[in-house]
Amino acid sequence: MTEQGTRSVRNNGDVLATGRRKTAVARVRLRPGNGTIKVNGRELGAYFPAIKDRVLVSGALEVVGRQSAVNVDITVDGGGPTGQAGACRLGIARALKSFDVELAEPLRQGGLLTRDGRMKERKKYGLRGARRGTQFSKR
């Protein structure tokens, strides 16, 4: 049972999932363990110094109460800190859903399995930005 962006590989007990937010992409590997979270080879606190980003990343684990039951390895690229944290959160939630199917409903109720589809609007030709026009000049 796979969902878009999720693929489950359990040859050695690991679960792989992908999360996206804005232009950031996070590839998450979840395995049974003692609760360590590593992002691009660094500890969570070292990679995300802002508390709001750390809370966002670990939110899915706290909702289902698995903070100390699984190890999480994340490879994230693209975007900025907030987009990367959101991508990590979605990837962890999808991995937890594949890890244990019974966790799907609490994750769904918490809104953690829904991808945030807001993206930057593209610049249109003839305009200075996505919506801003040229400056009017009387003379």
N, C-alpha and C. Protein backbone atom coordinates (compact mmCIF):
# COMPACT_ATOMS: atom_id res chain seq x y z
N MET A 1 0.84 -1.17 0.00
CA MET A 1 0.00 0.00 0.00
C MET A 1 0.88 1.24 0.00
N THR A 2 1.03 1.87 -1.14
CA THR A 2 1.86 3.06 -1.21
C THR A 2 1.02 4.25 -1.65
N GLU A 3 1.43 5.42 -1.21
CA GLU A 3 0.76 6.66 -1.55
C GLU A 3 1.73 7.49 -2.36
N GLN A 4 1.23 8.49 -3.04
CA GLN A 4 2.11 9.33 -3.84
C GLN A 4 3.20 9.91 -2.94
N GLY A 5 4.45 9.81 -3.36
CA GLY A 5 5.57 10.34 -2.59
C GLY A 5 6.07 9.38 -1.54
N THR A 6 5.44 8.24 -1.38
CA THR A 6 5.85 7.28 -0.36
C THR A 6 6.24 5.98 -1.02
N ARG A 7 7.37 5.45 -0.62
CA ARG A 7 7.69 4.10 -1.06
C ARG A 7 8.27 3.39 0.13
N SER A 8 7.84 2.19 0.33
CA SER A 8 8.21 1.44 1.50
C SER A 8 9.15 0.31 1.11
N VAL A 9 10.35 0.31 1.68
CA VAL A 9 11.31 -0.76 1.43
C VAL A 9 11.66 -1.35 2.79
N ARG A 10 11.30 -2.62 2.98
CA ARG A 10 11.49 -3.23 4.29
C ARG A 10 12.44 -4.42 4.25
N ASN A 11 13.45 -4.36 3.40
CA ASN A 11 14.35 -5.51 3.35
C ASN A 11 15.17 -5.65 4.63
N ASN A 12 15.46 -4.54 5.31
CA ASN A 12 16.20 -4.63 6.57
C ASN A 12 15.46 -3.89 7.69
N GLY A 13 14.14 -3.70 7.54
CA GLY A 13 13.35 -3.04 8.57
C GLY A 13 13.25 -1.54 8.39
N ASP A 14 13.90 -0.98 7.37
CA ASP A 14 13.84 0.45 7.13
C ASP A 14 12.60 0.81 6.32
N VAL A 15 12.11 2.00 6.55
CA VAL A 15 11.00 2.54 5.76
C VAL A 15 11.48 3.83 5.13
N LEU A 16 11.27 3.97 3.82
CA LEU A 16 11.67 5.17 3.09
C LEU A 16 10.44 5.95 2.68
N ALA A 17 10.53 7.29 2.77
CA ALA A 17 9.41 8.14 2.35
C ALA A 17 9.97 9.48 1.89
N THR A 18 9.17 10.21 1.13
CA THR A 18 9.57 11.50 0.60
C THR A 18 8.56 12.55 1.04
N GLY A 19 9.07 13.71 1.46
CA GLY A 19 8.21 14.83 1.81
C GLY A 19 8.63 16.06 1.03
N ARG A 20 7.66 16.89 0.64
CA ARG A 20 7.96 18.11 -0.12
C ARG A 20 7.23 19.29 0.48
N ARG A 21 7.86 20.47 0.39
CA ARG A 21 7.25 21.72 0.82
C ARG A 21 7.95 22.83 0.06
N LYS A 22 7.19 23.71 -0.60
CA LYS A 22 7.74 24.76 -1.45
C LYS A 22 8.71 24.13 -2.45
N THR A 23 9.99 24.46 -2.40
CA THR A 23 10.94 23.83 -3.32
C THR A 23 11.87 22.85 -2.61
N ALA A 24 11.58 22.54 -1.35
CA ALA A 24 12.42 21.62 -0.58
C ALA A 24 11.92 20.18 -0.74
N VAL A 25 12.86 19.24 -0.80
CA VAL A 25 12.55 17.82 -0.90
C VAL A 25 13.32 17.09 0.19
N ALA A 26 12.62 16.30 1.00
CA ALA A 26 13.24 15.54 2.07
C ALA A 26 13.03 14.05 1.83
N ARG A 27 14.12 13.29 1.86
CA ARG A 27 14.05 11.84 1.77
C ARG A 27 14.31 11.29 3.18
N VAL A 28 13.34 10.57 3.71
CA VAL A 28 13.36 10.14 5.11
C VAL A 28 13.54 8.63 5.18
N ARG A 29 14.45 8.19 6.05
CA ARG A 29 14.65 6.77 6.34
C ARG A 29 14.34 6.57 7.82
N LEU A 30 13.36 5.71 8.09
CA LEU A 30 12.89 5.46 9.45
C LEU A 30 13.21 4.02 9.80
N ARG A 31 13.80 3.81 10.98
CA ARG A 31 14.12 2.45 11.42
C ARG A 31 13.92 2.36 12.93
N PRO A 32 13.62 1.19 13.44
CA PRO A 32 13.49 1.05 14.90
C PRO A 32 14.79 1.42 15.59
N GLY A 33 14.68 2.13 16.71
CA GLY A 33 15.89 2.57 17.40
C GLY A 33 15.57 3.26 18.70
N ASN A 34 16.42 4.25 19.03
CA ASN A 34 16.32 4.90 20.34
C ASN A 34 15.88 6.37 20.28
N GLY A 35 15.52 6.87 19.11
CA GLY A 35 14.96 8.22 19.03
C GLY A 35 15.87 9.31 18.51
N THR A 36 16.94 8.97 17.81
CA THR A 36 17.81 10.01 17.26
C THR A 36 17.27 10.48 15.92
N ILE A 37 17.40 11.78 15.68
CA ILE A 37 17.00 12.38 14.41
C ILE A 37 18.22 13.07 13.83
N LYS A 38 18.64 12.64 12.64
CA LYS A 38 19.77 13.26 11.95
C LYS A 38 19.29 13.84 10.63
N VAL A 39 19.72 15.07 10.36
CA VAL A 39 19.37 15.75 9.12
C VAL A 39 20.67 16.06 8.39
N ASN A 40 20.83 15.51 7.21
CA ASN A 40 22.04 15.66 6.41
C ASN A 40 23.30 15.34 7.22
N GLY A 41 23.22 14.29 8.03
CA GLY A 41 24.37 13.83 8.79
C GLY A 41 24.63 14.59 10.08
N ARG A 42 23.81 15.61 10.39
CA ARG A 42 23.99 16.40 11.61
C ARG A 42 22.79 16.20 12.53
N GLU A 43 22.99 16.47 13.81
CA GLU A 43 21.90 16.36 14.77
C GLU A 43 20.83 17.40 14.45
N LEU A 44 19.61 17.12 14.87
CA LEU A 44 18.48 17.99 14.57
C LEU A 44 18.71 19.42 15.08
N GLY A 45 19.21 19.57 16.30
CA GLY A 45 19.45 20.89 16.87
C GLY A 45 20.56 21.66 16.17
N ALA A 46 21.52 20.93 15.61
CA ALA A 46 22.61 21.61 14.90
C ALA A 46 22.17 22.05 13.51
N TYR A 47 21.28 21.29 12.87
CA TYR A 47 20.85 21.65 11.52
C TYR A 47 19.76 22.71 11.55
N PHE A 48 18.82 22.59 12.49
CA PHE A 48 17.74 23.58 12.63
C PHE A 48 17.92 24.31 13.95
N PRO A 49 18.64 25.45 13.97
CA PRO A 49 18.84 26.15 15.23
C PRO A 49 17.57 26.81 15.78
N ALA A 50 16.61 27.13 14.91
CA ALA A 50 15.37 27.76 15.36
C ALA A 50 14.46 26.71 16.00
N ILE A 51 13.91 27.06 17.16
CA ILE A 51 13.07 26.12 17.90
C ILE A 51 11.82 25.76 17.11
N LYS A 52 11.24 26.74 16.40
CA LYS A 52 10.01 26.47 15.65
C LYS A 52 10.22 25.41 14.58
N ASP A 53 11.41 25.40 13.97
CA ASP A 53 11.70 24.40 12.94
C ASP A 53 11.90 23.02 13.57
N ARG A 54 12.55 22.97 14.73
CA ARG A 54 12.74 21.69 15.41
C ARG A 54 11.42 21.09 15.87
N VAL A 55 10.52 21.95 16.36
CA VAL A 55 9.19 21.48 16.79
C VAL A 55 8.41 20.98 15.60
N LEU A 56 8.54 21.68 14.46
CA LEU A 56 7.83 21.28 13.24
C LEU A 56 8.29 19.90 12.77
N VAL A 57 9.61 19.67 12.80
CA VAL A 57 10.16 18.39 12.32
C VAL A 57 9.73 17.24 13.23
N SER A 58 9.81 17.44 14.53
CA SER A 58 9.51 16.34 15.46
C SER A 58 8.03 16.24 15.81
N GLY A 59 7.19 17.09 15.21
CA GLY A 59 5.77 17.10 15.54
C GLY A 59 5.07 15.80 15.23
N ALA A 60 5.39 15.17 14.10
CA ALA A 60 4.72 13.91 13.73
C ALA A 60 5.05 12.81 14.73
N LEU A 61 6.27 12.78 15.21
CA LEU A 61 6.66 11.75 16.18
C LEU A 61 5.95 11.96 17.51
N GLU A 62 5.75 13.23 17.90
CA GLU A 62 5.10 13.52 19.17
C GLU A 62 3.61 13.19 19.13
N VAL A 63 2.98 13.40 17.97
CA VAL A 63 1.54 13.12 17.86
C VAL A 63 1.25 11.65 18.10
N VAL A 64 2.11 10.77 17.59
CA VAL A 64 1.87 9.33 17.74
C VAL A 64 2.67 8.72 18.90
N GLY A 65 3.48 9.52 19.59
CA GLY A 65 4.21 9.04 20.76
C GLY A 65 5.34 8.09 20.45
N ARG A 66 6.03 8.31 19.33
CA ARG A 66 7.13 7.41 18.94
C ARG A 66 8.49 8.11 18.99
N GLN A 67 8.65 9.17 19.82
CA GLN A 67 9.91 9.90 19.84
C GLN A 67 11.11 9.02 20.18
N SER A 68 10.93 8.09 21.10
CA SER A 68 12.07 7.28 21.54
C SER A 68 12.03 5.86 20.98
N ALA A 69 11.18 5.62 19.98
CA ALA A 69 11.05 4.26 19.45
C ALA A 69 11.70 4.09 18.09
N VAL A 70 11.97 5.19 17.38
CA VAL A 70 12.50 5.08 16.02
C VAL A 70 13.67 6.06 15.83
N ASN A 71 14.59 5.66 14.97
CA ASN A 71 15.66 6.55 14.51
C ASN A 71 15.28 7.09 13.15
N VAL A 72 15.56 8.36 12.91
CA VAL A 72 15.20 9.01 11.67
C VAL A 72 16.45 9.60 11.03
N ASP A 73 16.72 9.22 9.78
CA ASP A 73 17.79 9.82 8.98
C ASP A 73 17.14 10.55 7.82
N ILE A 74 17.45 11.85 7.69
CA ILE A 74 16.81 12.67 6.67
C ILE A 74 17.88 13.28 5.78
N THR A 75 17.65 13.23 4.48
CA THR A 75 18.46 13.97 3.52
C THR A 75 17.53 14.99 2.88
N VAL A 76 17.84 16.26 3.07
CA VAL A 76 16.97 17.32 2.57
C VAL A 76 17.77 18.30 1.75
N ASP A 77 17.19 18.78 0.64
CA ASP A 77 17.85 19.79 -0.16
C ASP A 77 16.80 20.69 -0.80
N GLY A 78 17.23 21.85 -1.23
CA GLY A 78 16.34 22.83 -1.84
C GLY A 78 15.62 23.65 -0.79
N GLY A 79 15.18 24.85 -1.20
CA GLY A 79 14.38 25.69 -0.32
C GLY A 79 15.17 26.29 0.82
N GLY A 80 14.46 26.85 1.77
CA GLY A 80 15.05 27.47 2.95
C GLY A 80 14.73 26.66 4.19
N PRO A 81 15.07 27.19 5.36
CA PRO A 81 14.88 26.43 6.59
C PRO A 81 13.43 26.03 6.86
N THR A 82 12.49 26.95 6.66
CA THR A 82 11.09 26.63 6.95
C THR A 82 10.55 25.60 5.97
N GLY A 83 10.87 25.74 4.69
CA GLY A 83 10.43 24.77 3.70
C GLY A 83 11.04 23.40 3.96
N GLN A 84 12.31 23.38 4.34
CA GLN A 84 12.96 22.10 4.63
C GLN A 84 12.35 21.44 5.86
N ALA A 85 12.03 22.23 6.88
CA ALA A 85 11.41 21.66 8.08
C ALA A 85 10.03 21.09 7.74
N GLY A 86 9.26 21.78 6.92
CA GLY A 86 7.96 21.27 6.51
C GLY A 86 8.06 20.00 5.68
N ALA A 87 9.08 19.94 4.81
CA ALA A 87 9.29 18.74 4.02
C ALA A 87 9.68 17.56 4.90
N CYS A 88 10.51 17.81 5.90
CA CYS A 88 10.90 16.76 6.84
C CYS A 88 9.70 16.24 7.61
N ARG A 89 8.82 17.15 8.04
CA ARG A 89 7.64 16.74 8.79
C ARG A 89 6.73 15.84 7.95
N LEU A 90 6.49 16.21 6.70
CA LEU A 90 5.65 15.39 5.84
C LEU A 90 6.30 14.04 5.57
N GLY A 91 7.61 14.03 5.33
CA GLY A 91 8.32 12.77 5.09
C GLY A 91 8.26 11.84 6.29
N ILE A 92 8.44 12.39 7.49
CA ILE A 92 8.37 11.57 8.70
C ILE A 92 6.97 11.01 8.88
N ALA A 93 5.96 11.84 8.65
CA ALA A 93 4.57 11.38 8.80
C ALA A 93 4.26 10.25 7.82
N ARG A 94 4.69 10.39 6.58
CA ARG A 94 4.45 9.34 5.58
C ARG A 94 5.20 8.07 5.93
N ALA A 95 6.42 8.22 6.45
CA ALA A 95 7.20 7.05 6.84
C ALA A 95 6.55 6.34 8.03
N LEU A 96 6.04 7.11 8.99
CA LEU A 96 5.37 6.51 10.14
C LEU A 96 4.11 5.75 9.70
N LYS A 97 3.41 6.30 8.72
CA LYS A 97 2.21 5.63 8.21
C LYS A 97 2.57 4.28 7.58
N SER A 98 3.68 4.24 6.84
CA SER A 98 4.13 2.97 6.26
C SER A 98 4.70 2.03 7.32
N PHE A 99 5.30 2.60 8.36
CA PHE A 99 5.90 1.83 9.44
C PHE A 99 4.84 1.07 10.23
N ASP A 100 3.74 1.76 10.54
CA ASP A 100 2.65 1.15 11.30
C ASP A 100 1.34 1.73 10.77
N VAL A 101 0.53 0.90 10.14
CA VAL A 101 -0.70 1.36 9.48
C VAL A 101 -1.69 1.94 10.49
N GLU A 102 -1.63 1.50 11.75
CA GLU A 102 -2.55 2.00 12.77
C GLU A 102 -2.30 3.47 13.10
N LEU A 103 -1.13 3.99 12.75
CA LEU A 103 -0.81 5.39 13.04
C LEU A 103 -1.39 6.35 12.00
N ALA A 104 -1.96 5.82 10.92
CA ALA A 104 -2.45 6.66 9.84
C ALA A 104 -3.56 7.58 10.31
N GLU A 105 -4.49 7.08 11.11
CA GLU A 105 -5.62 7.91 11.53
C GLU A 105 -5.22 9.07 12.44
N PRO A 106 -4.37 8.86 13.47
CA PRO A 106 -3.95 10.02 14.27
C PRO A 106 -3.15 11.04 13.45
N LEU A 107 -2.35 10.56 12.51
CA LEU A 107 -1.59 11.47 11.66
C LEU A 107 -2.53 12.26 10.75
N ARG A 108 -3.54 11.61 10.23
CA ARG A 108 -4.52 12.28 9.37
C ARG A 108 -5.31 13.31 10.17
N GLN A 109 -5.70 12.95 11.40
CA GLN A 109 -6.46 13.87 12.25
C GLN A 109 -5.63 15.10 12.60
N GLY A 110 -4.32 14.93 12.75
CA GLY A 110 -3.44 16.06 13.05
C GLY A 110 -3.06 16.88 11.83
N GLY A 111 -3.53 16.47 10.65
CA GLY A 111 -3.21 17.21 9.43
C GLY A 111 -1.79 17.04 8.96
N LEU A 112 -1.14 15.96 9.38
CA LEU A 112 0.28 15.76 9.07
C LEU A 112 0.51 15.03 7.76
N LEU A 113 -0.52 14.42 7.19
CA LEU A 113 -0.35 13.69 5.94
C LEU A 113 -0.76 14.53 4.72
N THR A 114 -1.14 15.77 4.95
CA THR A 114 -1.57 16.65 3.87
C THR A 114 -0.40 17.51 3.42
N ARG A 115 -0.12 17.48 2.12
CA ARG A 115 0.97 18.29 1.59
C ARG A 115 0.51 19.73 1.48
N ASP A 116 1.37 20.66 1.90
CA ASP A 116 1.07 22.09 1.78
C ASP A 116 1.39 22.50 0.35
N GLY A 117 0.37 22.77 -0.44
CA GLY A 117 0.55 23.03 -1.86
C GLY A 117 0.92 24.45 -2.21
N ARG A 118 1.11 25.33 -1.22
CA ARG A 118 1.43 26.72 -1.53
C ARG A 118 2.84 26.84 -2.09
N MET A 119 2.92 27.46 -3.26
CA MET A 119 4.21 27.66 -3.92
C MET A 119 4.33 29.14 -4.29
N LYS A 120 5.52 29.56 -4.63
CA LYS A 120 5.73 30.91 -5.10
C LYS A 120 5.11 31.05 -6.49
N GLU A 121 4.37 32.14 -6.68
CA GLU A 121 3.73 32.36 -7.97
C GLU A 121 4.76 32.82 -8.99
N ARG A 122 4.63 32.34 -10.21
CA ARG A 122 5.63 32.66 -11.21
C ARG A 122 5.48 34.08 -11.71
N LYS A 123 6.59 34.65 -12.19
CA LYS A 123 6.59 35.98 -12.79
C LYS A 123 5.97 35.90 -14.18
N LYS A 124 5.10 36.88 -14.47
CA LYS A 124 4.49 36.93 -15.80
C LYS A 124 5.21 37.95 -16.67
N TYR A 125 5.19 37.72 -17.98
CA TYR A 125 5.85 38.64 -18.90
C TYR A 125 5.11 39.98 -18.89
N GLY A 126 5.84 41.06 -19.08
CA GLY A 126 5.26 42.40 -19.08
C GLY A 126 5.08 42.99 -17.70
N LEU A 127 5.34 42.19 -16.65
CA LEU A 127 5.21 42.68 -15.29
C LEU A 127 6.55 42.62 -14.59
N ARG A 128 6.66 43.37 -13.48
CA ARG A 128 7.93 43.38 -12.74
C ARG A 128 8.05 42.21 -11.78
N GLY A 129 6.94 41.58 -11.48
CA GLY A 129 6.94 40.42 -10.59
C GLY A 129 5.79 39.52 -10.95
N ALA A 130 5.29 38.76 -9.97
CA ALA A 130 4.17 37.88 -10.24
C ALA A 130 2.91 38.69 -10.55
N ARG A 131 2.72 39.80 -9.82
CA ARG A 131 1.51 40.61 -10.01
C ARG A 131 1.80 42.09 -10.18
N ARG A 132 2.93 42.57 -9.75
CA ARG A 132 3.22 43.99 -9.80
C ARG A 132 3.49 44.42 -11.24
N GLY A 133 2.84 45.50 -11.64
CA GLY A 133 3.05 46.04 -12.98
C GLY A 133 4.19 47.03 -13.01
N THR A 134 4.34 47.71 -14.13
CA THR A 134 5.40 48.71 -14.25
C THR A 134 4.95 49.99 -13.58
N GLN A 135 5.91 50.81 -13.21
CA GLN A 135 5.59 52.07 -12.54
C GLN A 135 5.08 53.09 -13.55
N PHE A 136 3.98 53.76 -13.21
CA PHE A 136 3.37 54.73 -14.12
C PHE A 136 4.16 56.04 -14.07
N SER A 137 4.41 56.61 -15.24
CA SER A 137 5.12 57.89 -15.32
C SER A 137 4.29 58.85 -16.15
N LYS A 138 3.99 60.03 -15.58
CA LYS A 138 3.20 61.02 -16.32
C LYS A 138 3.98 61.60 -17.50
N ARG A 139 5.28 61.82 -17.33
CA ARG A 139 6.07 62.44 -18.41
C ARG A 139 7.26 61.60 -18.78
